[in-house]
Amino acid sequence: MDIIQVVGIGLIATILALILKEQKPMFAFLLATVTGVIIFLVVIGKISEVIRVLEKMAAQANLNMIYLDTILKIIGIAYIAEFGAQVTRD
């Protein structure tokens, strides 16, 4: 159900941003940014569940947690950079 909400929010925001972009580009930018934050807040609960499962699997595999932490930080930085690039491209 959550994925349907995320896709719906994304589609509605995209259509609104395309309409706004012609008349007020700044509002389209703000709409894209706010929508990204809203989508992030919707999926943050699921992301924390995935991280817990990964930590549990790493513990069962006797993997040093510093490696998992480093990989998760790299992935987080990559997502933030990609989001920033997409917003500035719009």
Protein backbone atom coordinates (compact mmCIF):
# COMPACT_ATOMS: atom_id res chain seq x y z
CA MET A 1 0.00 0.00 0.00
CA ASP A 2 2.84 2.39 0.77
CA ILE A 3 4.31 2.10 -2.70
CA ILE A 4 0.97 3.13 -4.22
CA GLN A 5 0.93 6.21 -2.01
CA VAL A 6 4.49 7.12 -2.94
CA VAL A 7 3.83 6.69 -6.66
CA GLY A 8 0.59 8.66 -6.39
CA ILE A 9 2.28 11.52 -4.58
CA GLY A 10 5.08 11.50 -7.14
CA LEU A 11 2.74 11.51 -10.14
CA ILE A 12 0.53 14.27 -8.79
CA ALA A 13 3.54 16.40 -7.88
CA THR A 14 5.08 15.84 -11.31
CA ILE A 15 1.93 16.93 -13.12
CA LEU A 16 1.55 19.97 -10.87
CA ALA A 17 5.23 20.86 -11.30
CA LEU A 18 4.92 20.70 -15.09
CA ILE A 19 1.91 23.00 -14.99
CA LEU A 20 3.59 25.41 -12.55
CA LYS A 21 6.91 25.39 -14.38
CA GLU A 22 5.45 27.36 -17.28
CA GLN A 23 4.07 30.14 -15.11
CA LYS A 24 6.11 30.16 -11.88
CA PRO A 25 9.32 28.08 -12.07
CA MET A 26 10.24 28.85 -8.46
CA PHE A 27 7.03 27.27 -7.17
CA ALA A 28 7.70 24.19 -9.31
CA PHE A 29 11.13 23.89 -7.70
CA LEU A 30 9.66 24.24 -4.21
CA LEU A 31 6.97 21.69 -5.03
CA ALA A 32 9.59 19.18 -6.20
CA THR A 33 11.67 19.71 -3.07
CA VAL A 34 8.74 19.44 -0.67
CA THR A 35 7.47 16.36 -2.48
CA GLY A 36 10.86 14.69 -2.15
CA VAL A 37 10.87 15.37 1.59
CA ILE A 38 7.31 14.07 1.98
CA ILE A 39 8.13 10.87 0.09
CA PHE A 40 11.22 10.42 2.26
CA LEU A 41 9.13 10.80 5.42
CA VAL A 42 6.62 8.25 4.13
CA VAL A 43 9.27 5.60 3.47
CA ILE A 44 11.58 6.30 6.44
CA GLY A 45 9.84 3.65 8.54
CA LYS A 46 10.45 0.99 5.92
CA ILE A 47 14.05 2.09 5.51
CA SER A 48 14.69 1.67 9.23
CA GLU A 49 13.22 -1.86 9.06
CA VAL A 50 15.58 -2.74 6.20
CA ILE A 51 18.55 -1.37 8.15
CA ARG A 52 17.58 -3.46 11.19
CA VAL A 53 17.39 -6.60 9.04
CA LEU A 54 20.78 -5.84 7.48
CA GLU A 55 22.31 -5.33 10.93
CA LYS A 56 20.83 -8.63 12.11
CA MET A 57 22.20 -10.45 9.05
CA ALA A 58 25.62 -8.86 9.54
CA ALA A 59 25.65 -9.96 13.17
CA GLN A 60 24.73 -13.53 12.19
CA ALA A 61 27.53 -13.55 9.60
CA ASN A 62 30.03 -12.30 12.22
CA LEU A 63 30.69 -9.24 10.07
CA ASN A 64 32.30 -6.25 11.71
CA MET A 65 29.59 -3.58 12.04
CA ILE A 66 31.95 -0.81 10.96
CA TYR A 67 31.81 -2.19 7.41
CA LEU A 68 28.02 -2.17 7.35
CA ASP A 69 27.92 1.35 8.80
CA THR A 70 30.36 2.57 6.16
CA ILE A 71 28.37 1.01 3.32
CA LEU A 72 25.11 2.48 4.63
CA LYS A 73 26.70 5.93 4.91
CA ILE A 74 28.00 5.69 1.34
CA ILE A 75 24.55 4.69 0.08
CA GLY A 76 22.94 7.54 2.03
CA ILE A 77 25.36 10.10 0.63
CA ALA A 78 24.77 8.77 -2.89
CA TYR A 79 20.99 9.10 -2.53
CA ILE A 80 21.25 12.62 -1.14
CA ALA A 81 23.61 13.65 -3.95
CA GLU A 82 21.30 12.13 -6.58
CA PHE A 83 18.29 13.91 -5.07
CA GLY A 84 20.17 17.20 -5.09
CA ALA A 85 21.22 16.68 -8.69
CA GLN A 86 17.65 15.91 -9.77
CA VAL A 87 16.24 18.95 -7.98
CA THR A 88 18.82 21.31 -9.46
CA ARG A 89 18.28 19.82 -12.92
CA ASP A 90 14.58 20.72 -12.69
